[in-house]
Amino acid sequence: MNISSVVMSDPRWQESFVVATREALRQGADGWADEWLAIAGDWRDIDLAAVSTAVTWWHAAGDANAPLSAARRLIERLPCATLRLFGEHEGHLAAYHREGEILDELLARG
């Protein structure tokens, strides 16, 4: 069983996914369509060089939903961005089991 299957079989994840999906689609599916356009787009409408806050982008190389190439293309244009990769065999749901690590990084910023 792969990591995504383990996560998706967790009843707590299933419950939070239903709540999050319901909220995400409450006003329609336009947001999901916009996200896919953004993944494939060039982000010309946004001045990424003007983003002055530190950004840590957590990503899994094996993420089939959001390609690593799209994430790299974006963070290369952010002046204060750091890419943190999850394990080689982790995918789109890797963060579910890594919340502590992600929160520790955020809290360490002070």
PDB file of N, CA and C in Angstrom:
ATOM      1  N   MET A   1       0.857  -1.176   0.000  1.00  0.00           N
ATOM      2  CA  MET A   1       0.000   0.000   0.000  1.00  0.00           C
ATOM      3  C   MET A   1       0.904   1.241   0.000  1.00  0.00           C
ATOM      4  N   ASN A   2       0.682   2.170  -0.941  1.00  0.00           N
ATOM      5  CA  ASN A   2       1.514   3.373  -0.992  1.00  0.00           C
ATOM      6  C   ASN A   2       1.060   4.395   0.052  1.00  0.00           C
ATOM      7  N   ILE A   3       1.880   5.414   0.261  1.00  0.00           N
ATOM      8  CA  ILE A   3       1.632   6.404   1.307  1.00  0.00           C
ATOM      9  C   ILE A   3       0.302   7.121   1.104  1.00  0.00           C
ATOM     10  N   SER A   4      -0.030   7.469  -0.123  1.00  0.00           N
ATOM     11  CA  SER A   4      -1.302   8.149  -0.373  1.00  0.00           C
ATOM     12  C   SER A   4      -2.488   7.276   0.020  1.00  0.00           C
ATOM     13  N   SER A   5      -2.394   5.987  -0.250  1.00  0.00           N
ATOM     14  CA  SER A   5      -3.478   5.071   0.119  1.00  0.00           C
ATOM     15  C   SER A   5      -3.622   4.981   1.636  1.00  0.00           C
ATOM     16  N   VAL A   6      -2.502   4.987   2.336  1.00  0.00           N
ATOM     17  CA  VAL A   6      -2.528   4.950   3.803  1.00  0.00           C
ATOM     18  C   VAL A   6      -3.214   6.202   4.336  1.00  0.00           C
ATOM     19  N   VAL A   7      -2.828   7.357   3.807  1.00  0.00           N
ATOM     20  CA  VAL A   7      -3.432   8.614   4.249  1.00  0.00           C
ATOM     21  C   VAL A   7      -4.925   8.608   3.943  1.00  0.00           C
ATOM     22  N   MET A   8      -5.290   8.236   2.738  1.00  0.00           N
ATOM     23  CA  MET A   8      -6.693   8.302   2.322  1.00  0.00           C
ATOM     24  C   MET A   8      -7.575   7.298   3.054  1.00  0.00           C
ATOM     25  N   SER A   9      -7.000   6.265   3.641  1.00  0.00           N
ATOM     26  CA  SER A   9      -7.797   5.301   4.394  1.00  0.00           C
ATOM     27  C   SER A   9      -7.980   5.716   5.855  1.00  0.00           C
ATOM     28  N   ASP A  10      -7.336   6.783   6.268  1.00  0.00           N
ATOM     29  CA  ASP A  10      -7.452   7.291   7.640  1.00  0.00           C
ATOM     30  C   ASP A  10      -8.782   8.042   7.796  1.00  0.00           C
ATOM     31  N   PRO A  11      -9.659   7.597   8.707  1.00  0.00           N
ATOM     32  CA  PRO A  11     -10.962   8.257   8.878  1.00  0.00           C
ATOM     33  C   PRO A  11     -10.847   9.749   9.229  1.00  0.00           C
ATOM     34  N   ARG A  12      -9.813  10.132   9.963  1.00  0.00           N
ATOM     35  CA  ARG A  12      -9.644  11.563  10.300  1.00  0.00           C
ATOM     36  C   ARG A  12      -9.348  12.369   9.039  1.00  0.00           C
ATOM     37  N   TRP A  13      -8.512  11.808   8.156  1.00  0.00           N
ATOM     38  CA  TRP A  13      -8.220  12.498   6.906  1.00  0.00           C
ATOM     39  C   TRP A  13      -9.478  12.591   6.059  1.00  0.00           C
ATOM     40  N   GLN A  14     -10.225  11.508   5.977  1.00  0.00           N
ATOM     41  CA  GLN A  14     -11.451  11.485   5.178  1.00  0.00           C
ATOM     42  C   GLN A  14     -12.425  12.561   5.644  1.00  0.00           C
ATOM     43  N   GLU A  15     -12.581  12.683   6.942  1.00  0.00           N
ATOM     44  CA  GLU A  15     -13.497  13.690   7.489  1.00  0.00           C
ATOM     45  C   GLU A  15     -13.022  15.104   7.160  1.00  0.00           C
ATOM     46  N   SER A  16     -11.736  15.376   7.363  1.00  0.00           N
ATOM     47  CA  SER A  16     -11.234  16.722   7.073  1.00  0.00           C
ATOM     48  C   SER A  16     -11.260  17.013   5.577  1.00  0.00           C
ATOM     49  N   PHE A  17     -11.072  15.987   4.744  1.00  0.00           N
ATOM     50  CA  PHE A  17     -11.121  16.172   3.299  1.00  0.00           C
ATOM     51  C   PHE A  17     -12.523  16.557   2.842  1.00  0.00           C
ATOM     52  N   VAL A  18     -13.527  15.913   3.415  1.00  0.00           N
ATOM     53  CA  VAL A  18     -14.915  16.234   3.063  1.00  0.00           C
ATOM     54  C   VAL A  18     -15.215  17.692   3.432  1.00  0.00           C
ATOM     55  N   VAL A  19     -14.826  18.085   4.632  1.00  0.00           N
ATOM     56  CA  VAL A  19     -15.069  19.464   5.079  1.00  0.00           C
ATOM     57  C   VAL A  19     -14.336  20.454   4.168  1.00  0.00           C
ATOM     58  N   ALA A  20     -13.063  20.189   3.887  1.00  0.00           N
ATOM     59  CA  ALA A  20     -12.264  21.096   3.061  1.00  0.00           C
ATOM     60  C   ALA A  20     -12.797  21.171   1.628  1.00  0.00           C
ATOM     61  N   THR A  21     -13.180  20.040   1.066  1.00  0.00           N
ATOM     62  CA  THR A  21     -13.696  20.028  -0.306  1.00  0.00           C
ATOM     63  C   THR A  21     -15.024  20.755  -0.396  1.00  0.00           C
ATOM     64  N   ARG A  22     -15.873  20.511   0.571  1.00  0.00           N
ATOM     65  CA  ARG A  22     -17.170  21.195   0.597  1.00  0.00           C
ATOM     66  C   ARG A  22     -16.962  22.718   0.638  1.00  0.00           C
ATOM     67  N   GLU A  23     -16.042  23.161   1.481  1.00  0.00           N
ATOM     68  CA  GLU A  23     -15.766  24.602   1.593  1.00  0.00           C
ATOM     69  C   GLU A  23     -15.130  25.135   0.313  1.00  0.00           C
ATOM     70  N   ALA A  24     -14.200  24.363  -0.252  1.00  0.00           N
ATOM     71  CA  ALA A  24     -13.515  24.802  -1.467  1.00  0.00           C
ATOM     72  C   ALA A  24     -14.482  24.982  -2.636  1.00  0.00           C
ATOM     73  N   LEU A  25     -15.510  24.146  -2.692  1.00  0.00           N
ATOM     74  CA  LEU A  25     -16.453  24.182  -3.810  1.00  0.00           C
ATOM     75  C   LEU A  25     -17.745  24.934  -3.491  1.00  0.00           C
ATOM     76  N   ARG A  26     -17.821  25.498  -2.302  1.00  0.00           N
ATOM     77  CA  ARG A  26     -19.056  26.162  -1.864  1.00  0.00           C
ATOM     78  C   ARG A  26     -19.514  27.222  -2.861  1.00  0.00           C
ATOM     79  N   GLN A  27     -18.584  27.940  -3.469  1.00  0.00           N
ATOM     80  CA  GLN A  27     -18.958  29.000  -4.408  1.00  0.00           C
ATOM     81  C   GLN A  27     -18.734  28.592  -5.862  1.00  0.00           C
ATOM     82  N   GLY A  28     -18.508  27.313  -6.100  1.00  0.00           N
ATOM     83  CA  GLY A  28     -18.327  26.831  -7.463  1.00  0.00           C
ATOM     84  C   GLY A  28     -16.941  26.253  -7.680  1.00  0.00           C
ATOM     85  N   ALA A  29     -16.704  25.755  -8.892  1.00  0.00           N
ATOM     86  CA  ALA A  29     -15.447  25.085  -9.221  1.00  0.00           C
ATOM     87  C   ALA A  29     -14.451  26.013  -9.910  1.00  0.00           C
ATOM     88  N   ASP A  30     -14.748  27.295 -10.004  1.00  0.00           N
ATOM     89  CA  ASP A  30     -13.855  28.221 -10.697  1.00  0.00           C
ATOM     90  C   ASP A  30     -12.452  28.246 -10.092  1.00  0.00           C
ATOM     91  N   GLY A  31     -12.366  28.120  -8.777  1.00  0.00           N
ATOM     92  CA  GLY A  31     -11.064  28.146  -8.109  1.00  0.00           C
ATOM     93  C   GLY A  31     -10.165  27.002  -8.555  1.00  0.00           C
ATOM     94  N   TRP A  32     -10.732  25.815  -8.695  1.00  0.00           N
ATOM     95  CA  TRP A  32      -9.947  24.678  -9.154  1.00  0.00           C
ATOM     96  C   TRP A  32      -9.473  24.892 -10.585  1.00  0.00           C
ATOM     97  N   ALA A  33     -10.317  25.450 -11.429  1.00  0.00           N
ATOM     98  CA  ALA A  33      -9.912  25.740 -12.803  1.00  0.00           C
ATOM     99  C   ALA A  33      -8.797  26.787 -12.812  1.00  0.00           C
ATOM    100  N   ASP A  34      -8.925  27.808 -11.986  1.00  0.00           N
ATOM    101  CA  ASP A  34      -7.882  28.837 -11.894  1.00  0.00           C
ATOM    102  C   ASP A  34      -6.554  28.242 -11.434  1.00  0.00           C
ATOM    103  N   GLU A  35      -6.617  27.290 -10.498  1.00  0.00           N
ATOM    104  CA  GLU A  35      -5.390  26.663  -9.996  1.00  0.00           C
ATOM    105  C   GLU A  35      -4.650  25.940 -11.119  1.00  0.00           C
ATOM    106  N   TRP A  36      -5.385  25.214 -11.951  1.00  0.00           N
ATOM    107  CA  TRP A  36      -4.726  24.499 -13.047  1.00  0.00           C
ATOM    108  C   TRP A  36      -4.156  25.475 -14.076  1.00  0.00           C
ATOM    109  N   LEU A  37      -4.836  26.576 -14.308  1.00  0.00           N
ATOM    110  CA  LEU A  37      -4.278  27.598 -15.200  1.00  0.00           C
ATOM    111  C   LEU A  37      -3.002  28.179 -14.605  1.00  0.00           C
ATOM    112  N   ALA A  38      -2.990  28.374 -13.298  1.00  0.00           N
ATOM    113  CA  ALA A  38      -1.803  28.918 -12.631  1.00  0.00           C
ATOM    114  C   ALA A  38      -0.633  27.940 -12.698  1.00  0.00           C
ATOM    115  N   ILE A  39      -0.898  26.658 -12.528  1.00  0.00           N
ATOM    116  CA  ILE A  39       0.170  25.660 -12.586  1.00  0.00           C
ATOM    117  C   ILE A  39       0.846  25.690 -13.953  1.00  0.00           C
ATOM    118  N   ALA A  40       0.067  25.817 -14.991  1.00  0.00           N
ATOM    119  CA  ALA A  40       0.617  25.810 -16.344  1.00  0.00           C
ATOM    120  C   ALA A  40       1.065  27.194 -16.807  1.00  0.00           C
ATOM    121  N   GLY A  41       0.646  28.228 -16.093  1.00  0.00           N
ATOM    122  CA  GLY A  41       0.910  29.596 -16.533  1.00  0.00           C
ATOM    123  C   GLY A  41       2.298  30.109 -16.204  1.00  0.00           C
ATOM    124  N   ASP A  42       2.528  31.340 -16.578  1.00  0.00           N
ATOM    125  CA  ASP A  42       3.842  31.945 -16.374  1.00  0.00           C
ATOM    126  C   ASP A  42       3.856  32.995 -15.253  1.00  0.00           C
ATOM    127  N   TRP A  43       2.725  33.252 -14.644  1.00  0.00           N
ATOM    128  CA  TRP A  43       2.595  34.164 -13.509  1.00  0.00           C
ATOM    129  C   TRP A  43       3.015  35.592 -13.856  1.00  0.00           C
ATOM    130  N   ARG A  44       2.869  36.017 -15.095  1.00  0.00           N
ATOM    131  CA  ARG A  44       3.259  37.370 -15.505  1.00  0.00           C
ATOM    132  C   ARG A  44       2.449  38.457 -14.807  1.00  0.00           C
ATOM    133  N   ASP A  45       1.226  38.150 -14.412  1.00  0.00           N
ATOM    134  CA  ASP A  45       0.352  39.150 -13.795  1.00  0.00           C
ATOM    135  C   ASP A  45       0.714  39.439 -12.341  1.00  0.00           C
ATOM    136  N   ILE A  46       1.622  38.670 -11.778  1.00  0.00           N
ATOM    137  CA  ILE A  46       2.003  38.839 -10.369  1.00  0.00           C
ATOM    138  C   ILE A  46       3.490  39.157 -10.302  1.00  0.00           C
ATOM    139  N   ASP A  47       3.834  40.222  -9.593  1.00  0.00           N
ATOM    140  CA  ASP A  47       5.238  40.604  -9.427  1.00  0.00           C
ATOM    141  C   ASP A  47       5.840  39.784  -8.296  1.00  0.00           C
ATOM    142  N   LEU A  48       6.295  38.583  -8.605  1.00  0.00           N
ATOM    143  CA  LEU A  48       6.833  37.687  -7.591  1.00  0.00           C
ATOM    144  C   LEU A  48       8.097  38.245  -6.950  1.00  0.00           C
ATOM    145  N   ALA A  49       8.856  39.038  -7.670  1.00  0.00           N
ATOM    146  CA  ALA A  49      10.068  39.641  -7.116  1.00  0.00           C
ATOM    147  C   ALA A  49       9.744  40.618  -5.990  1.00  0.00           C
ATOM    148  N   ALA A  50       8.508  41.087  -5.927  1.00  0.00           N
ATOM    149  CA  ALA A  50       8.101  42.026  -4.877  1.00  0.00           C
ATOM    150  C   ALA A  50       7.680  41.321  -3.586  1.00  0.00           C
ATOM    151  N   VAL A  51       7.597  40.001  -3.600  1.00  0.00           N
ATOM    152  CA  VAL A  51       7.228  39.258  -2.390  1.00  0.00           C
ATOM    153  C   VAL A  51       8.438  39.271  -1.462  1.00  0.00           C
ATOM    154  N   SER A  52       8.309  39.961  -0.338  1.00  0.00           N
ATOM    155  CA  SER A  52       9.464  40.145   0.542  1.00  0.00           C
ATOM    156  C   SER A  52       9.460  39.224   1.750  1.00  0.00           C
ATOM    157  N   THR A  53       8.395  38.518   1.978  1.00  0.00           N
ATOM    158  CA  THR A  53       8.343  37.607   3.121  1.00  0.00           C
ATOM    159  C   THR A  53       9.011  36.281   2.772  1.00  0.00           C
ATOM    160  N   ALA A  54       9.505  35.611   3.780  1.00  0.00           N
ATOM    161  CA  ALA A  54      10.127  34.305   3.564  1.00  0.00           C
ATOM    162  C   ALA A  54       9.032  33.283   3.231  1.00  0.00           C
ATOM    163  N   VAL A  55       9.302  32.476   2.231  1.00  0.00           N
ATOM    164  CA  VAL A  55       8.359  31.441   1.798  1.00  0.00           C
ATOM    165  C   VAL A  55       9.091  30.107   1.842  1.00  0.00           C
ATOM    166  N   THR A  56       8.498  29.151   2.536  1.00  0.00           N
ATOM    167  CA  THR A  56       9.012  27.785   2.493  1.00  0.00           C
ATOM    168  C   THR A  56       8.000  26.965   1.725  1.00  0.00           C
ATOM    169  N   TRP A  57       8.429  26.395   0.630  1.00  0.00           N
ATOM    170  CA  TRP A  57       7.546  25.609  -0.232  1.00  0.00           C
ATOM    171  C   TRP A  57       7.870  24.138   0.009  1.00  0.00           C
ATOM    172  N   TRP A  58       6.921  23.425   0.569  1.00  0.00           N
ATOM    173  CA  TRP A  58       7.072  21.997   0.827  1.00  0.00           C
ATOM    174  C   TRP A  58       6.463  21.250  -0.353  1.00  0.00           C
ATOM    175  N   HIS A  59       7.201  20.292  -0.883  1.00  0.00           N
ATOM    176  CA  HIS A  59       6.722  19.607  -2.080  1.00  0.00           C
ATOM    177  C   HIS A  59       7.290  18.188  -2.128  1.00  0.00           C
ATOM    178  N   ALA A  60       6.583  17.320  -2.786  1.00  0.00           N
ATOM    179  CA  ALA A  60       7.052  15.947  -2.990  1.00  0.00           C
ATOM    180  C   ALA A  60       7.383  15.745  -4.463  1.00  0.00           C
ATOM    181  N   ALA A  61       8.553  15.221  -4.712  1.00  0.00           N
ATOM    182  CA  ALA A  61       8.977  14.994  -6.092  1.00  0.00           C
ATOM    183  C   ALA A  61       8.014  14.057  -6.813  1.00  0.00           C
ATOM    184  N   GLY A  62       7.384  13.148  -6.072  1.00  0.00           N
ATOM    185  CA  GLY A  62       6.468  12.196  -6.675  1.00  0.00           C
ATOM    186  C   GLY A  62       5.026  12.675  -6.726  1.00  0.00           C
ATOM    187  N   ASP A  63       4.799  13.967  -6.535  1.00  0.00           N
ATOM    188  CA  ASP A  63       3.438  14.514  -6.537  1.00  0.00           C
ATOM    189  C   ASP A  63       2.893  14.514  -7.954  1.00  0.00           C
ATOM    190  N   ALA A  64       1.917  13.650  -8.207  1.00  0.00           N
ATOM    191  CA  ALA A  64       1.327  13.556  -9.545  1.00  0.00           C
ATOM    192  C   ALA A  64       0.283  14.639  -9.784  1.00  0.00           C
ATOM    193  N   ASN A  65      -0.189  15.306  -8.729  1.00  0.00           N
ATOM    194  CA  ASN A  65      -1.211  16.349  -8.864  1.00  0.00           C
ATOM    195  C   ASN A  65      -0.621  17.723  -9.140  1.00  0.00           C
ATOM    196  N   ALA A  66       0.540  17.989  -8.610  1.00  0.00           N
ATOM    197  CA  ALA A  66       1.201  19.281  -8.783  1.00  0.00           C
ATOM    198  C   ALA A  66       2.663  19.010  -9.120  1.00  0.00           C
ATOM    199  N   PRO A  67       3.026  19.150 -10.376  1.00  0.00           N
ATOM    200  CA  PRO A  67       4.379  18.787 -10.794  1.00  0.00           C
ATOM    201  C   PRO A  67       5.461  19.614 -10.096  1.00  0.00           C
ATOM    202  N   LEU A  68       6.545  18.948  -9.743  1.00  0.00           N
ATOM    203  CA  LEU A  68       7.678  19.627  -9.109  1.00  0.00           C
ATOM    204  C   LEU A  68       8.228  20.720 -10.017  1.00  0.00           C
ATOM    205  N   SER A  69       8.182  20.525 -11.315  1.00  0.00           N
ATOM    206  CA  SER A  69       8.687  21.537 -12.251  1.00  0.00           C
ATOM    207  C   SER A  69       7.911  22.848 -12.111  1.00  0.00           C
ATOM    208  N   ALA A  70       6.612  22.766 -11.872  1.00  0.00           N
ATOM    209  CA  ALA A  70       5.801  23.978 -11.691  1.00  0.00           C
ATOM    210  C   ALA A  70       6.188  24.681 -10.401  1.00  0.00           C
ATOM    211  N   ALA A  71       6.406  23.919  -9.343  1.00  0.00           N
ATOM    212  CA  ALA A  71       6.823  24.515  -8.070  1.00  0.00           C
ATOM    213  C   ALA A  71       8.183  25.180  -8.214  1.00  0.00           C
ATOM    214  N   ARG A  72       9.124  24.502  -8.864  1.00  0.00           N
ATOM    215  CA  ARG A  72      10.471  25.084  -9.058  1.00  0.00           C
ATOM    216  C   ARG A  72      10.400  26.376  -9.877  1.00  0.00           C
ATOM    217  N   ARG A  73       9.580  26.371 -10.913  1.00  0.00           N
ATOM    218  CA  ARG A  73       9.438  27.560 -11.761  1.00  0.00           C
ATOM    219  C   ARG A  73       8.948  28.753 -10.941  1.00  0.00           C
ATOM    220  N   LEU A  74       8.064  28.506 -10.025  1.00  0.00           N
ATOM    221  CA  LEU A  74       7.529  29.577  -9.194  1.00  0.00           C
ATOM    222  C   LEU A  74       8.541  30.045  -8.156  1.00  0.00           C
ATOM    223  N   ILE A  75       9.125  29.132  -7.414  1.00  0.00           N
ATOM    224  CA  ILE A  75      10.019  29.570  -6.339  1.00  0.00           C
ATOM    225  C   ILE A  75      11.312  30.189  -6.849  1.00  0.00           C
ATOM    226  N   GLU A  76      11.701  29.865  -8.072  1.00  0.00           N
ATOM    227  CA  GLU A  76      12.884  30.509  -8.656  1.00  0.00           C
ATOM    228  C   GLU A  76      12.679  32.009  -8.805  1.00  0.00           C
ATOM    229  N   ARG A  77      11.431  32.437  -8.876  1.00  0.00           N
ATOM    230  CA  ARG A  77      11.129  33.857  -9.050  1.00  0.00           C
ATOM    231  C   ARG A  77      10.816  34.565  -7.734  1.00  0.00           C
ATOM    232  N   LEU A  78      10.753  33.816  -6.640  1.00  0.00           N
ATOM    233  CA  LEU A  78      10.508  34.412  -5.329  1.00  0.00           C
ATOM    234  C   LEU A  78      11.855  34.673  -4.659  1.00  0.00           C
ATOM    235  N   PRO A  79      12.140  35.913  -4.268  1.00  0.00           N
ATOM    236  CA  PRO A  79      13.465  36.244  -3.746  1.00  0.00           C
ATOM    237  C   PRO A  79      13.815  35.585  -2.418  1.00  0.00           C
ATOM    238  N   CYS A  80      12.847  35.236  -1.608  1.00  0.00           N
ATOM    239  CA  CYS A  80      13.122  34.672  -0.279  1.00  0.00           C
ATOM    240  C   CYS A  80      12.490  33.298  -0.117  1.00  0.00           C
ATOM    241  N   ALA A  81      12.577  32.482  -1.158  1.00  0.00           N
ATOM    242  CA  ALA A  81      11.911  31.176  -1.121  1.00  0.00           C
ATOM    243  C   ALA A  81      12.909  30.050  -0.908  1.00  0.00           C
ATOM    244  N   THR A  82      12.449  29.065  -0.153  1.00  0.00           N
ATOM    245  CA  THR A  82      13.225  27.850   0.086  1.00  0.00           C
ATOM    246  C   THR A  82      12.348  26.669  -0.291  1.00  0.00           C
ATOM    247  N   LEU A  83      12.901  25.756  -1.047  1.00  0.00           N
ATOM    248  CA  LEU A  83      12.182  24.539  -1.425  1.00  0.00           C
ATOM    249  C   LEU A  83      12.618  23.429  -0.483  1.00  0.00           C
ATOM    250  N   ARG A  84      11.652  22.801   0.163  1.00  0.00           N
ATOM    251  CA  ARG A  84      11.916  21.647   1.016  1.00  0.00           C
ATOM    252  C   ARG A  84      11.195  20.466   0.393  1.00  0.00           C
ATOM    253  N   LEU A  85      11.946  19.451   0.056  1.00  0.00           N
ATOM    254  CA  LEU A  85      11.356  18.273  -0.582  1.00  0.00           C
ATOM    255  C   LEU A  85      11.070  17.185   0.437  1.00  0.00           C
ATOM    256  N   PHE A  86       9.901  16.593   0.316  1.00  0.00           N
ATOM    257  CA  PHE A  86       9.575  15.425   1.111  1.00  0.00           C
ATOM    258  C   PHE A  86      10.347  14.244   0.539  1.00  0.00           C
ATOM    259  N   GLY A  87      10.185  13.087   1.135  1.00  0.00           N
ATOM    260  CA  GLY A  87      10.888  11.895   0.682  1.00  0.00           C
ATOM    261  C   GLY A  87      10.616  11.554  -0.773  1.00  0.00           C
ATOM    262  N   GLU A  88      11.547  10.847  -1.353  1.00  0.00           N
ATOM    263  CA  GLU A  88      11.495  10.513  -2.776  1.00  0.00           C
ATOM    264  C   GLU A  88      10.232   9.752  -3.169  1.00  0.00           C
ATOM    265  N   HIS A  89       9.706   8.940  -2.263  1.00  0.00           N
ATOM    266  CA  HIS A  89       8.541   8.116  -2.591  1.00  0.00           C
ATOM    267  C   HIS A  89       7.240   8.687  -2.045  1.00  0.00           C
ATOM    268  N   GLU A  90       7.272   9.924  -1.575  1.00  0.00           N
ATOM    269  CA  GLU A  90       6.060  10.548  -1.067  1.00  0.00           C
ATOM    270  C   GLU A  90       5.387  11.308  -2.199  1.00  0.00           C
ATOM    271  N   GLY A  91       4.099  11.498  -2.078  1.00  0.00           N
ATOM    272  CA  GLY A  91       3.342  12.158  -3.130  1.00  0.00           C
ATOM    273  C   GLY A  91       2.566  13.346  -2.617  1.00  0.00           C
ATOM    274  N   HIS A  92       1.439  13.600  -3.242  1.00  0.00           N
ATOM    275  CA  HIS A  92       0.637  14.792  -2.998  1.00  0.00           C
ATOM    276  C   HIS A  92       0.172  14.929  -1.547  1.00  0.00           C
ATOM    277  N   LEU A  93       0.005  13.841  -0.858  1.00  0.00           N
ATOM    278  CA  LEU A  93      -0.512  13.883   0.509  1.00  0.00           C
ATOM    279  C   LEU A  93       0.586  13.769   1.570  1.00  0.00           C
ATOM    280  N   ALA A  94       1.825  13.995   1.189  1.00  0.00           N
ATOM    281  CA  ALA A  94       2.953  13.833   2.105  1.00  0.00           C
ATOM    282  C   ALA A  94       2.833  14.697   3.352  1.00  0.00           C
ATOM    283  N   ALA A  95       2.309  15.884   3.211  1.00  0.00           N
ATOM    284  CA  ALA A  95       2.248  16.809   4.345  1.00  0.00           C
ATOM    285  C   ALA A  95       1.378  16.295   5.477  1.00  0.00           C
ATOM    286  N   TYR A  96       0.454  15.412   5.195  1.00  0.00           N
ATOM    287  CA  TYR A  96      -0.457  14.909   6.224  1.00  0.00           C
ATOM    288  C   TYR A  96       0.309  14.290   7.395  1.00  0.00           C
ATOM    289  N   HIS A  97       1.364  13.554   7.104  1.00  0.00           N
ATOM    290  CA  HIS A  97       2.163  12.927   8.160  1.00  0.00           C
ATOM    291  C   HIS A  97       3.360  13.782   8.566  1.00  0.00           C
ATOM    292  N   ARG A  98       3.475  14.968   8.010  1.00  0.00           N
ATOM    293  CA  ARG A  98       4.625  15.824   8.292  1.00  0.00           C
ATOM    294  C   ARG A  98       4.220  17.162   8.904  1.00  0.00           C
ATOM    295  N   GLU A  99       2.998  17.238   9.437  1.00  0.00           N
ATOM    296  CA  GLU A  99       2.505  18.499   9.985  1.00  0.00           C
ATOM    297  C   GLU A  99       3.422  19.055  11.072  1.00  0.00           C
ATOM    298  N   GLY A 100       3.921  18.181  11.941  1.00  0.00           N
ATOM    299  CA  GLY A 100       4.809  18.627  13.019  1.00  0.00           C
ATOM    300  C   GLY A 100       6.051  19.317  12.490  1.00  0.00           C
ATOM    301  N   GLU A 101       6.664  18.726  11.491  1.00  0.00           N
ATOM    302  CA  GLU A 101       7.866  19.289  10.872  1.00  0.00           C
ATOM    303  C   GLU A 101       7.572  20.651  10.238  1.00  0.00           C
ATOM    304  N   ILE A 102       6.451  20.737   9.557  1.00  0.00           N
ATOM    305  CA  ILE A 102       6.073  21.992   8.899  1.00  0.00           C
ATOM    306  C   ILE A 102       5.760  23.064   9.942  1.00  0.00           C
ATOM    307  N   LEU A 103       4.998  22.710  10.960  1.00  0.00           N
ATOM    308  CA  LEU A 103       4.677  23.681  12.010  1.00  0.00           C
ATOM    309  C   LEU A 103       5.922  24.123  12.767  1.00  0.00           C
ATOM    310  N   ASP A 104       6.845  23.201  13.039  1.00  0.00           N
ATOM    311  CA  ASP A 104       8.100  23.569  13.706  1.00  0.00           C
ATOM    312  C   ASP A 104       8.858  24.609  12.897  1.00  0.00           C
ATOM    313  N   GLU A 105       8.883  24.433  11.578  1.00  0.00           N
ATOM    314  CA  GLU A 105       9.586  25.393  10.719  1.00  0.00           C
ATOM    315  C   GLU A 105       8.905  26.756  10.794  1.00  0.00           C
ATOM    316  N   LEU A 106       7.588  26.785  10.765  1.00  0.00           N
ATOM    317  CA  LEU A 106       6.858  28.047  10.851  1.00  0.00           C
ATOM    318  C   LEU A 106       7.067  28.726  12.194  1.00  0.00           C
ATOM    319  N   LEU A 107       6.980  27.960  13.260  1.00  0.00           N
ATOM    320  CA  LEU A 107       7.144  28.530  14.604  1.00  0.00           C
ATOM    321  C   LEU A 107       8.563  29.025  14.864  1.00  0.00           C
ATOM    322  N   ALA A 108       9.542  28.409  14.224  1.00  0.00           N
ATOM    323  CA  ALA A 108      10.941  28.820  14.406  1.00  0.00           C
ATOM    324  C   ALA A 108      11.219  30.195  13.813  1.00  0.00           C
ATOM    325  N   ARG A 109      10.330  30.665  12.973  1.00  0.00           N
ATOM    326  CA  ARG A 109      10.512  31.987  12.374  1.00  0.00           C
ATOM    327  C   ARG A 109      10.322  33.107  13.385  1.00  0.00           C
ATOM    328  N   GLY A 110       9.644  32.794  14.504  1.00  0.00           N
ATOM    329  CA  GLY A 110       9.451  33.784  15.570  1.00  0.00           C
ATOM    330  C   GLY A 110       8.361  34.687  15.249  1.00  0.00           C
TER     331      GLY A 110
END
